[in-house]
């Protein structure tokens, strides 16, 4: 694994062999793991959408989940485990 300092406040972890994005680490206590990097069943589910204002016009968010125009500290730290919703803040 290799880290790249992508801005003053964030860095990205990626595979040093193939270049796949694995993690995002910004200011704070949490690190984001790209769910697509996990093999097998994860039990994960989407709890909301962030940066919706930047989505392409070809992309529809046709569900009733919370939607934030930009960064949202509640949505990015929310965890759903065994059907129970918890806030990481």
C-alpha atoms as a PDB file:
ATOM      1  CA  UNK A   1       0.000   0.000   0.000  1.00  0.00           C
ATOM      2  CA  UNK A   2       1.156   3.518  -0.827  1.00  0.00           C
ATOM      3  CA  UNK A   3      -0.102   6.866   0.477  1.00  0.00           C
ATOM      4  CA  UNK A   4      -0.419   9.997  -1.651  1.00  0.00           C
ATOM      5  CA  UNK A   5      -0.875  13.417  -0.010  1.00  0.00           C
ATOM      6  CA  UNK A   6      -3.615  14.746  -2.310  1.00  0.00           C
ATOM      7  CA  UNK A   7      -4.162  18.049  -0.462  1.00  0.00           C
ATOM      8  CA  UNK A   8      -3.081  19.854   2.704  1.00  0.00           C
ATOM      9  CA  UNK A   9      -5.776  18.045   4.692  1.00  0.00           C
ATOM     10  CA  UNK A  10      -6.226  14.685   2.969  1.00  0.00           C
ATOM     11  CA  UNK A  11      -4.277  11.719   1.714  1.00  0.00           C
ATOM     12  CA  UNK A  12      -5.265   8.711  -0.357  1.00  0.00           C
ATOM     13  CA  UNK A  13      -4.143   5.130   0.094  1.00  0.00           C
ATOM     14  CA  UNK A  14      -3.769   2.999  -3.003  1.00  0.00           C
ATOM     15  CA  UNK A  15      -2.216  -0.264  -4.128  1.00  0.00           C
ATOM     16  CA  UNK A  16       1.409   0.366  -5.022  1.00  0.00           C
ATOM     17  CA  UNK A  17       1.262  -2.486  -7.549  1.00  0.00           C
ATOM     18  CA  UNK A  18      -1.916  -1.813  -9.578  1.00  0.00           C
ATOM     19  CA  UNK A  19      -2.879   1.730  -8.481  1.00  0.00           C
ATOM     20  CA  UNK A  20      -6.375   0.866  -7.177  1.00  0.00           C
ATOM     21  CA  UNK A  21      -7.837   3.412  -4.744  1.00  0.00           C
ATOM     22  CA  UNK A  22      -8.296   1.815  -1.327  1.00  0.00           C
ATOM     23  CA  UNK A  23      -8.654   4.521   1.344  1.00  0.00           C
ATOM     24  CA  UNK A  24      -9.233   8.213   1.879  1.00  0.00           C
ATOM     25  CA  UNK A  25      -7.925   9.855   5.048  1.00  0.00           C
ATOM     26  CA  UNK A  26      -8.943  13.417   5.799  1.00  0.00           C
ATOM     27  CA  UNK A  27      -8.741  15.560   8.891  1.00  0.00           C
ATOM     28  CA  UNK A  28     -10.507  13.866  11.781  1.00  0.00           C
ATOM     29  CA  UNK A  29     -10.831  10.491  13.432  1.00  0.00           C
ATOM     30  CA  UNK A  30     -12.292   8.486  10.539  1.00  0.00           C
ATOM     31  CA  UNK A  31     -10.764   6.907   7.475  1.00  0.00           C
ATOM     32  CA  UNK A  32     -12.912   6.039   4.456  1.00  0.00           C
ATOM     33  CA  UNK A  33     -12.503   2.586   2.943  1.00  0.00           C
ATOM     34  CA  UNK A  34     -13.687   2.211  -0.639  1.00  0.00           C
ATOM     35  CA  UNK A  35     -16.384  -0.480  -0.341  1.00  0.00           C
ATOM     36  CA  UNK A  36     -15.596  -1.848  -3.798  1.00  0.00           C
ATOM     37  CA  UNK A  37     -12.203  -2.999  -2.517  1.00  0.00           C
ATOM     38  CA  UNK A  38     -13.752  -5.549  -0.133  1.00  0.00           C
ATOM     39  CA  UNK A  39     -14.095  -9.142  -1.318  1.00  0.00           C
ATOM     40  CA  UNK A  40     -17.150 -11.244  -0.499  1.00  0.00           C
ATOM     41  CA  UNK A  41     -20.320 -10.310   1.348  1.00  0.00           C
ATOM     42  CA  UNK A  42     -19.907  -7.184   3.469  1.00  0.00           C
ATOM     43  CA  UNK A  43     -23.329  -6.551   4.994  1.00  0.00           C
ATOM     44  CA  UNK A  44     -22.874  -2.887   4.026  1.00  0.00           C
ATOM     45  CA  UNK A  45     -25.683  -0.704   2.742  1.00  0.00           C
ATOM     46  CA  UNK A  46     -25.884   2.851   1.487  1.00  0.00           C
ATOM     47  CA  UNK A  47     -27.205   5.260   4.124  1.00  0.00           C
ATOM     48  CA  UNK A  48     -27.073   8.472   2.085  1.00  0.00           C
ATOM     49  CA  UNK A  49     -25.437  10.406  -0.734  1.00  0.00           C
ATOM     50  CA  UNK A  50     -22.855  13.208  -0.457  1.00  0.00           C
ATOM     51  CA  UNK A  51     -21.640  15.781  -2.997  1.00  0.00           C
ATOM     52  CA  UNK A  52     -24.913  15.452  -4.915  1.00  0.00           C
ATOM     53  CA  UNK A  53     -24.506  18.903  -6.467  1.00  0.00           C
ATOM     54  CA  UNK A  54     -21.431  17.569  -8.320  1.00  0.00           C
ATOM     55  CA  UNK A  55     -23.021  14.427  -9.763  1.00  0.00           C
ATOM     56  CA  UNK A  56     -23.251  14.031 -13.518  1.00  0.00           C
ATOM     57  CA  UNK A  57     -26.562  14.864 -15.197  1.00  0.00           C
ATOM     58  CA  UNK A  58     -26.695  11.261 -16.442  1.00  0.00           C
ATOM     59  CA  UNK A  59     -26.764   9.924 -12.869  1.00  0.00           C
ATOM     60  CA  UNK A  60     -30.071   9.671 -10.998  1.00  0.00           C
ATOM     61  CA  UNK A  61     -30.432   9.243  -7.251  1.00  0.00           C
ATOM     62  CA  UNK A  62     -33.873   7.650  -7.321  1.00  0.00           C
ATOM     63  CA  UNK A  63     -34.107   6.509  -3.706  1.00  0.00           C
ATOM     64  CA  UNK A  64     -35.413   8.119  -0.531  1.00  0.00           C
ATOM     65  CA  UNK A  65     -32.035   8.220   1.239  1.00  0.00           C
ATOM     66  CA  UNK A  66     -30.670  11.506   2.631  1.00  0.00           C
ATOM     67  CA  UNK A  67     -28.876  13.660   0.062  1.00  0.00           C
ATOM     68  CA  UNK A  68     -26.299  16.355   0.832  1.00  0.00           C
ATOM     69  CA  UNK A  69     -25.058  18.919  -1.691  1.00  0.00           C
ATOM     70  CA  UNK A  70     -21.487  18.617  -0.403  1.00  0.00           C
ATOM     71  CA  UNK A  71     -19.629  17.174   2.544  1.00  0.00           C
ATOM     72  CA  UNK A  72     -21.820  16.008   5.404  1.00  0.00           C
ATOM     73  CA  UNK A  73     -20.124  14.877   8.629  1.00  0.00           C
ATOM     74  CA  UNK A  74     -23.197  12.940   9.775  1.00  0.00           C
ATOM     75  CA  UNK A  75     -23.597  10.935   6.559  1.00  0.00           C
ATOM     76  CA  UNK A  76     -19.877  10.210   6.232  1.00  0.00           C
ATOM     77  CA  UNK A  77     -19.627   8.757   9.729  1.00  0.00           C
ATOM     78  CA  UNK A  78     -22.927   6.877   9.762  1.00  0.00           C
ATOM     79  CA  UNK A  79     -22.717   3.115  10.136  1.00  0.00           C
ATOM     80  CA  UNK A  80     -25.496   0.587   9.718  1.00  0.00           C
ATOM     81  CA  UNK A  81     -24.762  -2.645  11.543  1.00  0.00           C
ATOM     82  CA  UNK A  82     -27.234  -5.508  11.896  1.00  0.00           C
ATOM     83  CA  UNK A  83     -30.085  -3.219  10.871  1.00  0.00           C
ATOM     84  CA  UNK A  84     -29.365  -0.696  13.648  1.00  0.00           C
ATOM     85  CA  UNK A  85     -28.242   2.763  12.616  1.00  0.00           C
ATOM     86  CA  UNK A  86     -25.454   4.424  14.583  1.00  0.00           C
ATOM     87  CA  UNK A  87     -23.751   7.780  14.255  1.00  0.00           C
ATOM     88  CA  UNK A  88     -19.975   7.832  14.431  1.00  0.00           C
ATOM     89  CA  UNK A  89     -19.856  11.399  15.730  1.00  0.00           C
END
